[in-house]
PDB file of N, CA and C in Angstrom:
ATOM      1  N   MET A   1     126.247 -47.065  33.729  1.00  0.00           N
ATOM      2  CA  MET A   1     124.802 -47.179  33.886  1.00  0.00           C
ATOM      3  C   MET A   1     124.470 -48.658  33.930  1.00  0.00           C
ATOM      4  N   SER A   2     123.932 -49.096  35.014  1.00  0.00           N
ATOM      5  CA  SER A   2     123.580 -50.502  35.132  1.00  0.00           C
ATOM      6  C   SER A   2     122.349 -50.798  34.283  1.00  0.00           C
ATOM      7  N   ALA A   3     122.151 -52.072  34.063  1.00  0.00           N
ATOM      8  CA  ALA A   3     121.006 -52.484  33.253  1.00  0.00           C
ATOM      9  C   ALA A   3     119.694 -52.086  33.925  1.00  0.00           C
ATOM     10  N   SER A   4     119.646 -52.188  35.252  1.00  0.00           N
ATOM     11  CA  SER A   4     118.402 -51.834  35.946  1.00  0.00           C
ATOM     12  C   SER A   4     118.129 -50.332  35.867  1.00  0.00           C
ATOM     13  N   ALA A   5     119.177 -49.518  35.908  1.00  0.00           N
ATOM     14  CA  ALA A   5     118.988 -48.069  35.788  1.00  0.00           C
ATOM     15  C   ALA A   5     118.499 -47.710  34.392  1.00  0.00           C
ATOM     16  N   ALA A   6     119.066 -48.371  33.383  1.00  0.00           N
ATOM     17  CA  ALA A   6     118.639 -48.117  32.007  1.00  0.00           C
ATOM     18  C   ALA A   6     117.196 -48.565  31.802  1.00  0.00           C
ATOM     19  N   LEU A   7     116.848 -49.715  32.360  1.00  0.00           N
ATOM     20  CA  LEU A   7     115.482 -50.218  32.227  1.00  0.00           C
ATOM     21  C   LEU A   7     114.487 -49.282  32.908  1.00  0.00           C
ATOM     22  N   SER A   8     114.835 -48.818  34.092  1.00  0.00           N
ATOM     23  CA  SER A   8     113.967 -47.888  34.809  1.00  0.00           C
ATOM     24  C   SER A   8     113.774 -46.595  34.022  1.00  0.00           C
ATOM     25  N   LEU A   9     114.851 -46.087  33.475  1.00  0.00           N
ATOM     26  CA  LEU A   9     114.786 -44.858  32.687  1.00  0.00           C
ATOM     27  C   LEU A   9     113.956 -45.064  31.418  1.00  0.00           C
ATOM     28  N   TYR A  10     114.103 -46.221  30.795  1.00  0.00           N
ATOM     29  CA  TYR A  10     113.337 -46.552  29.590  1.00  0.00           C
ATOM     30  C   TYR A  10     111.840 -46.606  29.905  1.00  0.00           C
ATOM     31  N   ARG A  11     111.486 -47.275  30.986  1.00  0.00           N
ATOM     32  CA  ARG A  11     110.073 -47.384  31.358  1.00  0.00           C
ATOM     33  C   ARG A  11     109.476 -46.020  31.694  1.00  0.00           C
ATOM     34  N   ARG A  12     110.227 -45.199  32.425  1.00  0.00           N
ATOM     35  CA  ARG A  12     109.742 -43.850  32.744  1.00  0.00           C
ATOM     36  C   ARG A  12     109.571 -43.018  31.489  1.00  0.00           C
ATOM     37  N   SER A  13     110.468 -43.196  30.528  1.00  0.00           N
ATOM     38  CA  SER A  13     110.360 -42.464  29.259  1.00  0.00           C
ATOM     39  C   SER A  13     109.082 -42.852  28.528  1.00  0.00           C
ATOM     40  N   LEU A  14     108.799 -44.150  28.499  1.00  0.00           N
ATOM     41  CA  LEU A  14     107.581 -44.610  27.825  1.00  0.00           C
ATOM     42  C   LEU A  14     106.329 -44.088  28.529  1.00  0.00           C
ATOM     43  N   LYS A  15     106.313 -44.171  29.848  1.00  0.00           N
ATOM     44  CA  LYS A  15     105.138 -43.708  30.588  1.00  0.00           C
ATOM     45  C   LYS A  15     104.937 -42.208  30.440  1.00  0.00           C
ATOM     46  N   GLN A  16     106.034 -41.471  30.435  1.00  0.00           N
ATOM     47  CA  GLN A  16     105.917 -40.021  30.292  1.00  0.00           C
ATOM     48  C   GLN A  16     105.466 -39.647  28.890  1.00  0.00           C
ATOM     49  N   SER A  17     105.896 -40.376  27.879  1.00  0.00           N
ATOM     50  CA  SER A  17     105.449 -40.070  26.517  1.00  0.00           C
ATOM     51  C   SER A  17     103.962 -40.371  26.363  1.00  0.00           C
ATOM     52  N   LEU A  18     103.463 -41.318  27.148  1.00  0.00           N
ATOM     53  CA  LEU A  18     102.031 -41.630  27.100  1.00  0.00           C
ATOM     54  C   LEU A  18     101.193 -40.479  27.657  1.00  0.00           C
ATOM     55  N   ASP A  19     101.773 -39.637  28.506  1.00  0.00           N
ATOM     56  CA  ASP A  19     101.058 -38.454  28.999  1.00  0.00           C
ATOM     57  C   ASP A  19     100.764 -37.473  27.868  1.00  0.00           C
ATOM     58  N   TRP A  20     101.614 -37.426  26.870  1.00  0.00           N
ATOM     59  CA  TRP A  20     101.455 -36.474  25.769  1.00  0.00           C
ATOM     60  C   TRP A  20     100.566 -37.026  24.663  1.00  0.00           C
ATOM     61  N   ALA A  21     100.543 -38.333  24.484  1.00  0.00           N
ATOM     62  CA  ALA A  21      99.728 -38.950  23.431  1.00  0.00           C
ATOM     63  C   ALA A  21      98.936 -40.087  24.061  1.00  0.00           C
ATOM     64  N   VAL A  22      97.733 -39.810  24.495  1.00  0.00           N
ATOM     65  CA  VAL A  22      96.934 -40.810  25.195  1.00  0.00           C
ATOM     66  C   VAL A  22      96.489 -41.926  24.252  1.00  0.00           C
ATOM     67  N   ASP A  23      96.281 -41.603  22.983  1.00  0.00           N
ATOM     68  CA  ASP A  23      95.868 -42.610  22.005  1.00  0.00           C
ATOM     69  C   ASP A  23      97.044 -43.545  21.725  1.00  0.00           C
ATOM     70  N   ARG A  24      96.865 -44.830  21.959  1.00  0.00           N
ATOM     71  CA  ARG A  24      97.954 -45.801  21.816  1.00  0.00           C
ATOM     72  C   ARG A  24      98.479 -45.894  20.385  1.00  0.00           C
ATOM     73  N   ARG A  25      97.642 -45.633  19.403  1.00  0.00           N
ATOM     74  CA  ARG A  25      98.127 -45.706  18.012  1.00  0.00           C
ATOM     75  C   ARG A  25      99.136 -44.601  17.732  1.00  0.00           C
ATOM     76  N   VAL A  26      98.922 -43.426  18.286  1.00  0.00           N
ATOM     77  CA  VAL A  26      99.871 -42.319  18.133  1.00  0.00           C
ATOM     78  C   VAL A  26     101.107 -42.581  18.997  1.00  0.00           C
ATOM     79  N   TRP A  27     100.875 -43.078  20.186  1.00  0.00           N
ATOM     80  CA  TRP A  27     101.960 -43.329  21.130  1.00  0.00           C
ATOM     81  C   TRP A  27     102.921 -44.398  20.633  1.00  0.00           C
ATOM     82  N   ARG A  28     102.432 -45.356  19.892  1.00  0.00           N
ATOM     83  CA  ARG A  28     103.280 -46.465  19.434  1.00  0.00           C
ATOM     84  C   ARG A  28     104.474 -45.958  18.626  1.00  0.00           C
ATOM     85  N   GLY A  29     104.265 -44.976  17.766  1.00  0.00           N
ATOM     86  CA  GLY A  29     105.366 -44.407  16.996  1.00  0.00           C
ATOM     87  C   GLY A  29     106.403 -43.762  17.898  1.00  0.00           C
ATOM     88  N   GLN A  30     105.936 -43.086  18.936  1.00  0.00           N
ATOM     89  CA  GLN A  30     106.857 -42.475  19.890  1.00  0.00           C
ATOM     90  C   GLN A  30     107.619 -43.544  20.671  1.00  0.00           C
ATOM     91  N   ALA A  31     106.939 -44.631  21.017  1.00  0.00           N
ATOM     92  CA  ALA A  31     107.588 -45.714  21.758  1.00  0.00           C
ATOM     93  C   ALA A  31     108.684 -46.369  20.921  1.00  0.00           C
ATOM     94  N   VAL A  32     108.430 -46.544  19.639  1.00  0.00           N
ATOM     95  CA  VAL A  32     109.443 -47.124  18.752  1.00  0.00           C
ATOM     96  C   VAL A  32     110.643 -46.190  18.647  1.00  0.00           C
ATOM     97  N   TYR A  33     110.395 -44.896  18.579  1.00  0.00           N
ATOM     98  CA  TYR A  33     111.490 -43.921  18.508  1.00  0.00           C
ATOM     99  C   TYR A  33     112.321 -43.946  19.795  1.00  0.00           C
ATOM    100  N   ILE A  34     111.660 -43.981  20.941  1.00  0.00           N
ATOM    101  CA  ILE A  34     112.374 -44.040  22.222  1.00  0.00           C
ATOM    102  C   ILE A  34     113.207 -45.316  22.299  1.00  0.00           C
ATOM    103  N   ARG A  35     112.636 -46.419  21.851  1.00  0.00           N
ATOM    104  CA  ARG A  35     113.381 -47.688  21.852  1.00  0.00           C
ATOM    105  C   ARG A  35     114.627 -47.580  20.991  1.00  0.00           C
ATOM    106  N   SER A  36     114.508 -46.933  19.826  1.00  0.00           N
ATOM    107  CA  SER A  36     115.671 -46.802  18.943  1.00  0.00           C
ATOM    108  C   SER A  36     116.768 -45.955  19.594  1.00  0.00           C
ATOM    109  N   LEU A  37     116.384 -44.933  20.361  1.00  0.00           N
ATOM    110  CA  LEU A  37     117.378 -44.114  21.057  1.00  0.00           C
ATOM    111  C   LEU A  37     118.126 -44.922  22.117  1.00  0.00           C
ATOM    112  N   PHE A  38     117.400 -45.744  22.851  1.00  0.00           N
ATOM    113  CA  PHE A  38     118.056 -46.563  23.868  1.00  0.00           C
ATOM    114  C   PHE A  38     118.919 -47.648  23.232  1.00  0.00           C
ATOM    115  N   GLU A  39     118.442 -48.243  22.157  1.00  0.00           N
ATOM    116  CA  GLU A  39     119.231 -49.291  21.503  1.00  0.00           C
ATOM    117  C   GLU A  39     120.478 -48.732  20.841  1.00  0.00           C
ATOM    118  N   ALA A  40     120.460 -47.478  20.434  1.00  0.00           N
ATOM    119  CA  ALA A  40     121.644 -46.870  19.818  1.00  0.00           C
ATOM    120  C   ALA A  40     122.784 -46.758  20.821  1.00  0.00           C
ATOM    121  N   ASN A  41     122.461 -46.709  22.099  1.00  0.00           N
ATOM    122  CA  ASN A  41     123.486 -46.558  23.136  1.00  0.00           C
ATOM    123  C   ASN A  41     123.666 -47.808  23.991  1.00  0.00           C
ATOM    124  N   LYS A  42     123.145 -48.933  23.558  1.00  0.00           N
ATOM    125  CA  LYS A  42     123.217 -50.132  24.398  1.00  0.00           C
ATOM    126  C   LYS A  42     124.620 -50.721  24.497  1.00  0.00           C
ATOM    127  N   ASP A  43     125.500 -50.396  23.571  1.00  0.00           N
ATOM    128  CA  ASP A  43     126.847 -50.969  23.587  1.00  0.00           C
ATOM    129  C   ASP A  43     127.875 -50.079  24.272  1.00  0.00           C
ATOM    130  N   VAL A  44     127.450 -49.006  24.900  1.00  0.00           N
ATOM    131  CA  VAL A  44     128.379 -48.126  25.613  1.00  0.00           C
ATOM    132  C   VAL A  44     128.815 -48.844  26.891  1.00  0.00           C
ATOM    133  N   ARG A  45     130.131 -49.045  27.043  1.00  0.00           N
ATOM    134  CA  ARG A  45     130.662 -49.778  28.197  1.00  0.00           C
ATOM    135  C   ARG A  45     131.414 -48.882  29.179  1.00  0.00           C
ATOM    136  N   ASP A  46     131.796 -47.706  28.756  1.00  0.00           N
ATOM    137  CA  ASP A  46     132.542 -46.793  29.621  1.00  0.00           C
ATOM    138  C   ASP A  46     131.607 -46.246  30.706  1.00  0.00           C
ATOM    139  N   PRO A  47     131.904 -46.495  31.990  1.00  0.00           N
ATOM    140  CA  PRO A  47     131.017 -46.033  33.069  1.00  0.00           C
ATOM    141  C   PRO A  47     130.805 -44.520  33.085  1.00  0.00           C
ATOM    142  N   ARG A  48     131.834 -43.768  32.731  1.00  0.00           N
ATOM    143  CA  ARG A  48     131.671 -42.305  32.709  1.00  0.00           C
ATOM    144  C   ARG A  48     130.699 -41.883  31.617  1.00  0.00           C
ATOM    145  N   GLN A  49     130.838 -42.483  30.460  1.00  0.00           N
ATOM    146  CA  GLN A  49     129.925 -42.165  29.355  1.00  0.00           C
ATOM    147  C   GLN A  49     128.503 -42.603  29.699  1.00  0.00           C
ATOM    148  N   GLN A  50     128.374 -43.726  30.389  1.00  0.00           N
ATOM    149  CA  GLN A  50     127.054 -44.188  30.808  1.00  0.00           C
ATOM    150  C   GLN A  50     126.405 -43.181  31.760  1.00  0.00           C
ATOM    151  N   GLN A  51     127.185 -42.655  32.688  1.00  0.00           N
ATOM    152  CA  GLN A  51     126.651 -41.664  33.624  1.00  0.00           C
ATOM    153  C   GLN A  51     126.239 -40.381  32.907  1.00  0.00           C
ATOM    154  N   VAL A  52     127.017 -39.992  31.906  1.00  0.00           N
ATOM    155  CA  VAL A  52     126.670 -38.801  31.118  1.00  0.00           C
ATOM    156  C   VAL A  52     125.346 -39.033  30.398  1.00  0.00           C
ATOM    157  N   LEU A  53     125.197 -40.206  29.782  1.00  0.00           N
ATOM    158  CA  LEU A  53     123.946 -40.526  29.084  1.00  0.00           C
ATOM    159  C   LEU A  53     122.767 -40.544  30.056  1.00  0.00           C
ATOM    160  N   LEU A  54     122.995 -41.106  31.221  1.00  0.00           N
ATOM    161  CA  LEU A  54     121.942 -41.161  32.231  1.00  0.00           C
ATOM    162  C   LEU A  54     121.511 -39.758  32.652  1.00  0.00           C
ATOM    163  N   ARG A  55     122.470 -38.890  32.929  1.00  0.00           N
ATOM    164  CA  ARG A  55     122.144 -37.511  33.332  1.00  0.00           C
ATOM    165  C   ARG A  55     121.433 -36.753  32.214  1.00  0.00           C
ATOM    166  N   GLU A  56     121.903 -36.921  30.975  1.00  0.00           N
ATOM    167  CA  GLU A  56     121.263 -36.225  29.850  1.00  0.00           C
ATOM    168  C   GLU A  56     119.822 -36.684  29.670  1.00  0.00           C
ATOM    169  N   THR A  57     119.600 -37.982  29.809  1.00  0.00           N
ATOM    170  CA  THR A  57     118.242 -38.501  29.650  1.00  0.00           C
ATOM    171  C   THR A  57     117.347 -38.032  30.792  1.00  0.00           C
ATOM    172  N   GLU A  58     117.866 -38.027  32.011  1.00  0.00           N
ATOM    173  CA  GLU A  58     117.092 -37.510  33.150  1.00  0.00           C
ATOM    174  C   GLU A  58     116.715 -36.047  32.919  1.00  0.00           C
ATOM    175  N   LYS A  59     117.651 -35.277  32.399  1.00  0.00           N
ATOM    176  CA  LYS A  59     117.399 -33.859  32.125  1.00  0.00           C
ATOM    177  C   LYS A  59     116.306 -33.704  31.066  1.00  0.00           C
ATOM    178  N   LEU A  60     116.376 -34.521  30.010  1.00  0.00           N
ATOM    179  CA  LEU A  60     115.341 -34.475  28.970  1.00  0.00           C
ATOM    180  C   LEU A  60     113.973 -34.838  29.536  1.00  0.00           C
ATOM    181  N   LEU A  61     113.926 -35.861  30.374  1.00  0.00           N
ATOM    182  CA  LEU A  61     112.651 -36.251  30.973  1.00  0.00           C
ATOM    183  C   LEU A  61     112.070 -35.120  31.815  1.00  0.00           C
ATOM    184  N   GLU A  62     112.922 -34.426  32.538  1.00  0.00           N
ATOM    185  CA  GLU A  62     112.445 -33.314  33.365  1.00  0.00           C
ATOM    186  C   GLU A  62     111.931 -32.166  32.496  1.00  0.00           C
ATOM    187  N   GLU A  63     112.604 -31.901  31.376  1.00  0.00           N
ATOM    188  CA  GLU A  63     112.172 -30.823  30.481  1.00  0.00           C
ATOM    189  C   GLU A  63     110.848 -31.153  29.800  1.00  0.00           C
ATOM    190  N   TRP A  64     110.638 -32.418  29.469  1.00  0.00           N
ATOM    191  CA  TRP A  64     109.453 -32.830  28.729  1.00  0.00           C
ATOM    192  C   TRP A  64     108.319 -33.308  29.624  1.00  0.00           C
ATOM    193  N   LYS A  65     108.443 -33.085  30.919  1.00  0.00           N
ATOM    194  CA  LYS A  65     107.397 -33.514  31.840  1.00  0.00           C
ATOM    195  C   LYS A  65     106.093 -32.782  31.537  1.00  0.00           C
ATOM    196  N   HIS A  66     105.007 -33.518  31.466  1.00  0.00           N
ATOM    197  CA  HIS A  66     103.703 -32.937  31.155  1.00  0.00           C
ATOM    198  C   HIS A  66     103.168 -32.190  32.376  1.00  0.00           C
ATOM    199  N   PRO A  67     102.611 -30.979  32.187  1.00  0.00           N
ATOM    200  CA  PRO A  67     102.101 -30.220  33.337  1.00  0.00           C
ATOM    201  C   PRO A  67     100.861 -30.850  33.971  1.00  0.00           C
ATOM    202  N   ASP A  68     100.116 -31.624  33.197  1.00  0.00           N
ATOM    203  CA  ASP A  68      98.917 -32.284  33.708  1.00  0.00           C
ATOM    204  C   ASP A  68      98.935 -33.734  33.224  1.00  0.00           C
ATOM    205  N   PRO A  69      99.698 -34.612  33.881  1.00  0.00           N
ATOM    206  CA  PRO A  69      99.851 -35.977  33.381  1.00  0.00           C
ATOM    207  C   PRO A  69      98.532 -36.742  33.363  1.00  0.00           C
ATOM    208  N   TYR A  70      98.442 -37.663  32.413  1.00  0.00           N
ATOM    209  CA  TYR A  70      97.239 -38.478  32.267  1.00  0.00           C
ATOM    210  C   TYR A  70      97.131 -39.460  33.426  1.00  0.00           C
ATOM    211  N   ARG A  71      95.931 -39.561  33.972  1.00  0.00           N
ATOM    212  CA  ARG A  71      95.638 -40.566  34.984  1.00  0.00           C
ATOM    213  C   ARG A  71      94.358 -41.276  34.563  1.00  0.00           C
ATOM    214  N   PRO A  72      94.321 -42.592  34.663  1.00  0.00           N
ATOM    215  CA  PRO A  72      93.065 -43.281  34.368  1.00  0.00           C
ATOM    216  C   PRO A  72      91.963 -42.742  35.280  1.00  0.00           C
ATOM    217  N   PRO A  73      90.733 -42.648  34.780  1.00  0.00           N
ATOM    218  CA  PRO A  73      89.662 -42.016  35.559  1.00  0.00           C
ATOM    219  C   PRO A  73      89.437 -42.621  36.937  1.00  0.00           C
ATOM    220  N   THR A  74      89.559 -43.935  37.077  1.00  0.00           N
ATOM    221  CA  THR A  74      89.275 -44.549  38.373  1.00  0.00           C
ATOM    222  C   THR A  74      90.513 -44.695  39.250  1.00  0.00           C
ATOM    223  N   ALA A  75      91.661 -44.230  38.791  1.00  0.00           N
ATOM    224  CA  ALA A  75      92.889 -44.279  39.589  1.00  0.00           C
ATOM    225  C   ALA A  75      92.910 -43.113  40.580  1.00  0.00           C
ATOM    226  N   PRO A  76      93.692 -43.229  41.652  1.00  0.00           N
ATOM    227  CA  PRO A  76      93.800 -42.093  42.580  1.00  0.00           C
ATOM    228  C   PRO A  76      94.235 -40.834  41.837  1.00  0.00           C
ATOM    229  N   GLY A  77      93.485 -39.772  42.026  1.00  0.00           N
ATOM    230  CA  GLY A  77      93.761 -38.525  41.320  1.00  0.00           C
ATOM    231  C   GLY A  77      92.971 -38.390  40.029  1.00  0.00           C
ATOM    232  N   GLY A  78      92.313 -39.461  39.591  1.00  0.00           N
ATOM    233  CA  GLY A  78      91.490 -39.402  38.386  1.00  0.00           C
ATOM    234  C   GLY A  78      90.166 -38.717  38.675  1.00  0.00           C
ATOM    235  N   ASN A  79      89.433 -38.363  37.623  1.00  0.00           N
ATOM    236  CA  ASN A  79      88.202 -37.598  37.828  1.00  0.00           C
ATOM    237  C   ASN A  79      87.043 -38.444  38.360  1.00  0.00           C
ATOM    238  N   LYS A  80      87.180 -39.774  38.384  1.00  0.00           N
ATOM    239  CA  LYS A  80      86.131 -40.622  38.943  1.00  0.00           C
ATOM    240  C   LYS A  80      86.574 -41.308  40.233  1.00  0.00           C
ATOM    241  N   TRP A  81      87.710 -40.888  40.777  1.00  0.00           N
ATOM    242  CA  TRP A  81      88.231 -41.524  41.984  1.00  0.00           C
ATOM    243  C   TRP A  81      87.279 -41.301  43.149  1.00  0.00           C
ATOM    244  N   GLU A  82      86.913 -42.364  43.817  1.00  0.00           N
ATOM    245  CA  GLU A  82      86.018 -42.371  44.969  1.00  0.00           C
ATOM    246  C   GLU A  82      84.629 -41.828  44.651  1.00  0.00           C
ATOM    247  N   ARG A  83      84.207 -41.942  43.418  1.00  0.00           N
ATOM    248  CA  ARG A  83      82.861 -41.539  43.053  1.00  0.00           C
ATOM    249  C   ARG A  83      81.959 -42.764  43.159  1.00  0.00           C
ATOM    250  N   ASN A  84      80.792 -42.590  43.742  1.00  0.00           N
ATOM    251  CA  ASN A  84      79.814 -43.665  43.893  1.00  0.00           C
ATOM    252  C   ASN A  84      80.400 -44.865  44.630  1.00  0.00           C
ATOM    253  N   LEU A  85      80.963 -44.610  45.779  1.00  0.00           N
ATOM    254  CA  LEU A  85      81.516 -45.690  46.587  1.00  0.00           C
ATOM    255  C   LEU A  85      80.389 -46.560  47.122  1.00  0.00           C
ATOM    256  N   PRO A  86      80.633 -47.861  47.253  1.00  0.00           N
ATOM    257  CA  PRO A  86      79.607 -48.714  47.852  1.00  0.00           C
ATOM    258  C   PRO A  86      79.435 -48.368  49.332  1.00  0.00           C
ATOM    259  N   ALA A  87      78.257 -48.670  49.857  1.00  0.00           N
ATOM    260  CA  ALA A  87      77.981 -48.388  51.263  1.00  0.00           C
ATOM    261  C   ALA A  87      78.929 -49.190  52.143  1.00  0.00           C
ATOM    262  N   ARG A  88      79.359 -48.576  53.227  1.00  0.00           N
ATOM    263  CA  ARG A  88      80.249 -49.275  54.153  1.00  0.00           C
ATOM    264  C   ARG A  88      79.489 -50.371  54.880  1.00  0.00           C
ATOM    265  N   ILE A  89      80.124 -51.484  55.019  1.00  0.00           N
ATOM    266  CA  ILE A  89      79.541 -52.591  55.772  1.00  0.00           C
ATOM    267  C   ILE A  89      80.370 -52.740  57.038  1.00  0.00           C
ATOM    268  N   LEU A  90      79.706 -52.608  58.161  1.00  0.00           N
ATOM    269  CA  LEU A  90      80.427 -52.703  59.424  1.00  0.00           C
ATOM    270  C   LEU A  90      80.790 -54.157  59.691  1.00  0.00           C
ATOM    271  N   PRO A  91      81.948 -54.407  60.269  1.00  0.00           N
ATOM    272  CA  PRO A  91      82.374 -55.783  60.504  1.00  0.00           C
ATOM    273  C   PRO A  91      81.618 -56.465  61.642  1.00  0.00           C
ATOM    274  N   TYR A  92      80.838 -55.728  62.391  1.00  0.00           N
ATOM    275  CA  TYR A  92      80.087 -56.303  63.502  1.00  0.00           C
ATOM    276  C   TYR A  92      78.747 -55.584  63.595  1.00  0.00           C
ATOM    277  N   ALA A  93      77.821 -56.188  64.272  1.00  0.00           N
ATOM    278  CA  ALA A  93      76.491 -55.594  64.435  1.00  0.00           C
ATOM    279  C   ALA A  93      76.556 -54.476  65.476  1.00  0.00           C
ATOM    280  N   ALA A  94      75.640 -53.522  65.361  1.00  0.00           N
ATOM    281  CA  ALA A  94      75.576 -52.428  66.335  1.00  0.00           C
ATOM    282  C   ALA A  94      75.143 -52.988  67.690  1.00  0.00           C
ATOM    283  N   PRO A  95      75.646 -52.437  68.776  1.00  0.00           N
ATOM    284  CA  PRO A  95      75.249 -52.932  70.102  1.00  0.00           C
ATOM    285  C   PRO A  95      73.762 -52.670  70.347  1.00  0.00           C
ATOM    286  N   PRO A  96      73.127 -53.504  71.161  1.00  0.00           N
ATOM    287  CA  PRO A  96      71.697 -53.306  71.438  1.00  0.00           C
ATOM    288  C   PRO A  96      71.450 -51.932  72.065  1.00  0.00           C
ATOM    289  N   GLY A  97      70.379 -51.307  71.658  1.00  0.00           N
ATOM    290  CA  GLY A  97      69.996 -50.005  72.186  1.00  0.00           C
ATOM    291  C   GLY A  97      70.720 -48.850  71.508  1.00  0.00           C
ATOM    292  N   ALA A  98      71.496 -49.106  70.483  1.00  0.00           N
ATOM    293  CA  ALA A  98      72.223 -48.041  69.800  1.00  0.00           C
ATOM    294  C   ALA A  98      71.343 -47.339  68.788  1.00  0.00           C
ATOM    295  N   HIS A  99      70.182 -47.873  68.503  1.00  0.00           N
ATOM    296  CA  HIS A  99      69.316 -47.276  67.481  1.00  0.00           C
ATOM    297  C   HIS A  99      68.613 -46.117  68.033  1.00  0.00           C
TER     298      HIS A  99
END
């Protein structure tokens, strides 16, 4: 497992845990626990064992995937996405007689 693969998996784990606990104070305890799990395996050098750990973690992430993940309200897919959009401003004036 390369360092970039482990980092990517770690970040996805943190983001996915945030779907279950939106409050950052509750989430912080989960983040510390996830960090401890990754640090417990940081000294594994055998490539086969690294691949096993990677597959097991991917499987856990898939099992714990939230059915309705949290999205910030103004992000795409959020409940305020594209609400109250500003009026469109045309880049040029309307041609004469178009009114």
